[in-house]
């Protein structure tokens, strides 16, 4: 929201937002190997639930995402 567009045709804000998204994805991938859940978990989401990965792997990813956003802001 900090870097989002305030006007529909605000190209400058649009560009800045996408740069921030790219940077976030880059930093998240550095920490977790991917931005795709299936790749991070090493299985599909149904199997991940069965294996209890949400409480471990997903928790770390959420924490990493919050830390990255904090760095970027």
N, C-alpha and C. Protein backbone atom coordinates (compact mmCIF):
# COMPACT_ATOMS: atom_id res chain seq x y z
N UNK A 1 0.83 -1.18 0.00
CA UNK A 1 0.00 0.00 0.00
C UNK A 1 0.88 1.25 0.00
N UNK A 2 2.02 1.16 0.65
CA UNK A 2 2.92 2.31 0.71
C UNK A 2 3.40 2.69 -0.68
N UNK A 3 3.64 1.71 -1.53
CA UNK A 3 4.16 1.98 -2.86
C UNK A 3 3.13 1.77 -3.96
N UNK A 4 1.90 1.54 -3.60
CA UNK A 4 0.85 1.30 -4.58
C UNK A 4 0.44 2.56 -5.33
N UNK A 5 -0.36 2.36 -6.35
CA UNK A 5 -0.84 3.48 -7.16
C UNK A 5 -1.98 4.19 -6.47
N UNK A 6 -1.94 5.51 -6.52
CA UNK A 6 -3.06 6.28 -6.00
C UNK A 6 -4.01 6.68 -7.13
N UNK A 7 -3.50 6.67 -8.33
CA UNK A 7 -4.29 6.97 -9.53
C UNK A 7 -4.14 5.81 -10.50
N UNK A 8 -5.20 5.53 -11.27
CA UNK A 8 -5.19 4.40 -12.19
C UNK A 8 -4.04 4.47 -13.19
N UNK A 9 -3.75 5.63 -13.71
CA UNK A 9 -2.72 5.77 -14.74
C UNK A 9 -1.38 6.27 -14.19
N UNK A 10 -1.10 6.02 -12.94
CA UNK A 10 0.13 6.45 -12.29
C UNK A 10 1.26 5.46 -12.62
N UNK A 11 1.90 5.65 -13.77
CA UNK A 11 2.93 4.73 -14.25
C UNK A 11 4.14 4.68 -13.33
N UNK A 12 4.51 5.79 -12.74
CA UNK A 12 5.68 5.84 -11.87
C UNK A 12 5.48 4.95 -10.63
N UNK A 13 4.33 5.05 -9.99
CA UNK A 13 4.04 4.21 -8.83
C UNK A 13 3.93 2.75 -9.23
N UNK A 14 3.35 2.50 -10.38
CA UNK A 14 3.21 1.14 -10.91
C UNK A 14 4.60 0.51 -11.06
N UNK A 15 5.50 1.23 -11.66
CA UNK A 15 6.88 0.76 -11.87
C UNK A 15 7.57 0.48 -10.53
N UNK A 16 7.44 1.40 -9.60
CA UNK A 16 8.07 1.24 -8.29
C UNK A 16 7.50 0.03 -7.55
N UNK A 17 6.19 -0.17 -7.64
CA UNK A 17 5.55 -1.31 -7.00
C UNK A 17 6.11 -2.62 -7.54
N UNK A 18 6.21 -2.73 -8.86
CA UNK A 18 6.72 -3.96 -9.45
C UNK A 18 8.19 -4.19 -9.12
N UNK A 19 8.96 -3.15 -8.99
CA UNK A 19 10.36 -3.30 -8.56
C UNK A 19 10.43 -3.84 -7.13
N UNK A 20 9.53 -3.35 -6.28
CA UNK A 20 9.49 -3.83 -4.90
C UNK A 20 9.06 -5.30 -4.85
N UNK A 21 8.10 -5.67 -5.68
CA UNK A 21 7.66 -7.06 -5.75
C UNK A 21 8.81 -7.95 -6.21
N UNK A 22 9.53 -7.53 -7.25
CA UNK A 22 10.66 -8.29 -7.74
C UNK A 22 11.72 -8.47 -6.65
N UNK A 23 12.00 -7.40 -5.92
CA UNK A 23 13.00 -7.46 -4.85
C UNK A 23 12.53 -8.41 -3.74
N UNK A 24 11.25 -8.31 -3.37
CA UNK A 24 10.70 -9.21 -2.36
C UNK A 24 10.88 -10.66 -2.80
N UNK A 25 10.48 -10.97 -4.03
CA UNK A 25 10.57 -12.35 -4.53
C UNK A 25 12.02 -12.83 -4.54
N UNK A 26 12.93 -11.97 -4.93
CA UNK A 26 14.35 -12.32 -4.94
C UNK A 26 14.84 -12.65 -3.52
N UNK A 27 14.51 -11.80 -2.57
CA UNK A 27 14.95 -12.01 -1.19
C UNK A 27 14.30 -13.25 -0.58
N UNK A 28 13.01 -13.46 -0.86
CA UNK A 28 12.32 -14.62 -0.33
C UNK A 28 12.90 -15.90 -0.92
N UNK A 29 13.19 -15.89 -2.21
CA UNK A 29 13.78 -17.06 -2.86
C UNK A 29 15.17 -17.36 -2.30
N UNK A 30 15.94 -16.33 -2.00
CA UNK A 30 17.25 -16.54 -1.39
C UNK A 30 17.13 -17.29 -0.07
N UNK A 31 16.11 -16.97 0.70
CA UNK A 31 15.93 -17.59 2.02
C UNK A 31 15.28 -18.97 1.95
N UNK A 32 14.38 -19.16 0.97
CA UNK A 32 13.55 -20.36 0.97
C UNK A 32 13.67 -21.22 -0.28
N UNK A 33 14.45 -20.79 -1.25
CA UNK A 33 14.67 -21.59 -2.45
C UNK A 33 13.64 -21.41 -3.54
N UNK A 34 12.51 -20.79 -3.24
CA UNK A 34 11.43 -20.60 -4.21
C UNK A 34 10.37 -19.69 -3.60
N UNK A 35 9.44 -19.26 -4.43
CA UNK A 35 8.26 -18.55 -3.94
C UNK A 35 7.01 -19.41 -4.13
N UNK A 36 7.20 -20.63 -4.62
CA UNK A 36 6.10 -21.54 -4.91
C UNK A 36 5.98 -22.56 -3.77
N UNK A 37 4.82 -22.58 -3.13
CA UNK A 37 4.60 -23.45 -1.96
C UNK A 37 4.99 -24.89 -2.23
N UNK A 38 4.52 -25.43 -3.30
CA UNK A 38 4.77 -26.84 -3.64
C UNK A 38 6.28 -27.12 -3.69
N UNK A 39 7.05 -26.18 -4.22
CA UNK A 39 8.49 -26.36 -4.30
C UNK A 39 9.16 -26.22 -2.93
N UNK A 40 8.69 -25.29 -2.14
CA UNK A 40 9.25 -25.10 -0.80
C UNK A 40 8.97 -26.31 0.08
N UNK A 41 7.74 -26.80 0.02
CA UNK A 41 7.32 -27.92 0.85
C UNK A 41 7.85 -29.26 0.36
N UNK A 42 8.13 -29.34 -0.93
CA UNK A 42 8.58 -30.61 -1.51
C UNK A 42 7.45 -31.59 -1.74
N UNK A 43 6.21 -31.09 -1.70
CA UNK A 43 5.02 -31.93 -1.92
C UNK A 43 3.82 -31.01 -2.13
N UNK A 44 2.67 -31.59 -2.50
CA UNK A 44 1.50 -30.76 -2.67
C UNK A 44 0.91 -30.37 -1.30
N UNK A 45 0.01 -29.43 -1.31
CA UNK A 45 -0.51 -28.90 -0.04
C UNK A 45 -1.27 -29.93 0.78
N UNK A 46 -1.96 -30.86 0.13
CA UNK A 46 -2.68 -31.89 0.87
C UNK A 46 -1.70 -32.77 1.64
N UNK A 47 -0.63 -33.16 0.98
CA UNK A 47 0.39 -33.98 1.63
C UNK A 47 1.09 -33.20 2.73
N UNK A 48 1.33 -31.91 2.48
CA UNK A 48 1.98 -31.06 3.48
C UNK A 48 1.16 -31.01 4.76
N UNK A 49 -0.16 -30.91 4.61
CA UNK A 49 -1.03 -30.88 5.80
C UNK A 49 -0.91 -32.20 6.56
N UNK A 50 -0.93 -33.29 5.83
CA UNK A 50 -0.81 -34.61 6.45
C UNK A 50 0.53 -34.77 7.18
N UNK A 51 1.55 -34.17 6.64
CA UNK A 51 2.90 -34.29 7.23
C UNK A 51 3.16 -33.26 8.32
N UNK A 52 2.22 -32.35 8.51
CA UNK A 52 2.38 -31.34 9.55
C UNK A 52 3.38 -30.24 9.19
N UNK A 53 3.58 -30.01 7.90
CA UNK A 53 4.57 -29.02 7.47
C UNK A 53 4.11 -27.58 7.66
N UNK A 54 2.80 -27.37 7.78
CA UNK A 54 2.31 -26.00 7.93
C UNK A 54 2.84 -25.36 9.21
N UNK A 55 2.97 -26.14 10.25
CA UNK A 55 3.43 -25.61 11.53
C UNK A 55 4.92 -25.35 11.58
N UNK A 56 5.66 -25.91 10.64
CA UNK A 56 7.12 -25.72 10.64
C UNK A 56 7.57 -24.90 9.45
N UNK A 57 7.45 -25.47 8.27
CA UNK A 57 7.94 -24.81 7.06
C UNK A 57 7.16 -23.53 6.78
N UNK A 58 5.84 -23.62 6.82
CA UNK A 58 5.02 -22.44 6.49
C UNK A 58 5.21 -21.33 7.51
N UNK A 59 5.33 -21.68 8.76
CA UNK A 59 5.53 -20.68 9.81
C UNK A 59 6.82 -19.90 9.55
N UNK A 60 7.88 -20.60 9.16
CA UNK A 60 9.14 -19.94 8.84
C UNK A 60 8.98 -19.02 7.63
N UNK A 61 8.26 -19.47 6.63
CA UNK A 61 8.06 -18.66 5.43
C UNK A 61 7.29 -17.38 5.74
N UNK A 62 6.28 -17.48 6.57
CA UNK A 62 5.52 -16.29 6.97
C UNK A 62 6.42 -15.32 7.73
N UNK A 63 7.23 -15.85 8.63
CA UNK A 63 8.17 -15.01 9.38
C UNK A 63 9.17 -14.34 8.43
N UNK A 64 9.71 -15.12 7.49
CA UNK A 64 10.64 -14.57 6.50
C UNK A 64 9.99 -13.46 5.69
N UNK A 65 8.75 -13.70 5.25
CA UNK A 65 8.03 -12.70 4.45
C UNK A 65 7.86 -11.41 5.24
N UNK A 66 7.48 -11.52 6.50
CA UNK A 66 7.30 -10.33 7.33
C UNK A 66 8.61 -9.58 7.52
N UNK A 67 9.69 -10.30 7.74
CA UNK A 67 10.99 -9.66 7.92
C UNK A 67 11.44 -8.95 6.64
N UNK A 68 11.19 -9.58 5.50
CA UNK A 68 11.57 -8.96 4.23
C UNK A 68 10.76 -7.69 3.99
N UNK A 69 9.47 -7.75 4.22
CA UNK A 69 8.63 -6.55 4.05
C UNK A 69 9.12 -5.44 4.96
N UNK A 70 9.46 -5.79 6.18
CA UNK A 70 9.97 -4.79 7.11
C UNK A 70 11.26 -4.16 6.58
N UNK A 71 12.14 -4.97 6.03
CA UNK A 71 13.39 -4.44 5.44
C UNK A 71 13.10 -3.51 4.26
N UNK A 72 12.15 -3.91 3.43
CA UNK A 72 11.86 -3.13 2.22
C UNK A 72 11.16 -1.81 2.51
N UNK A 73 10.41 -1.76 3.59
CA UNK A 73 9.69 -0.53 3.92
C UNK A 73 10.62 0.43 4.64
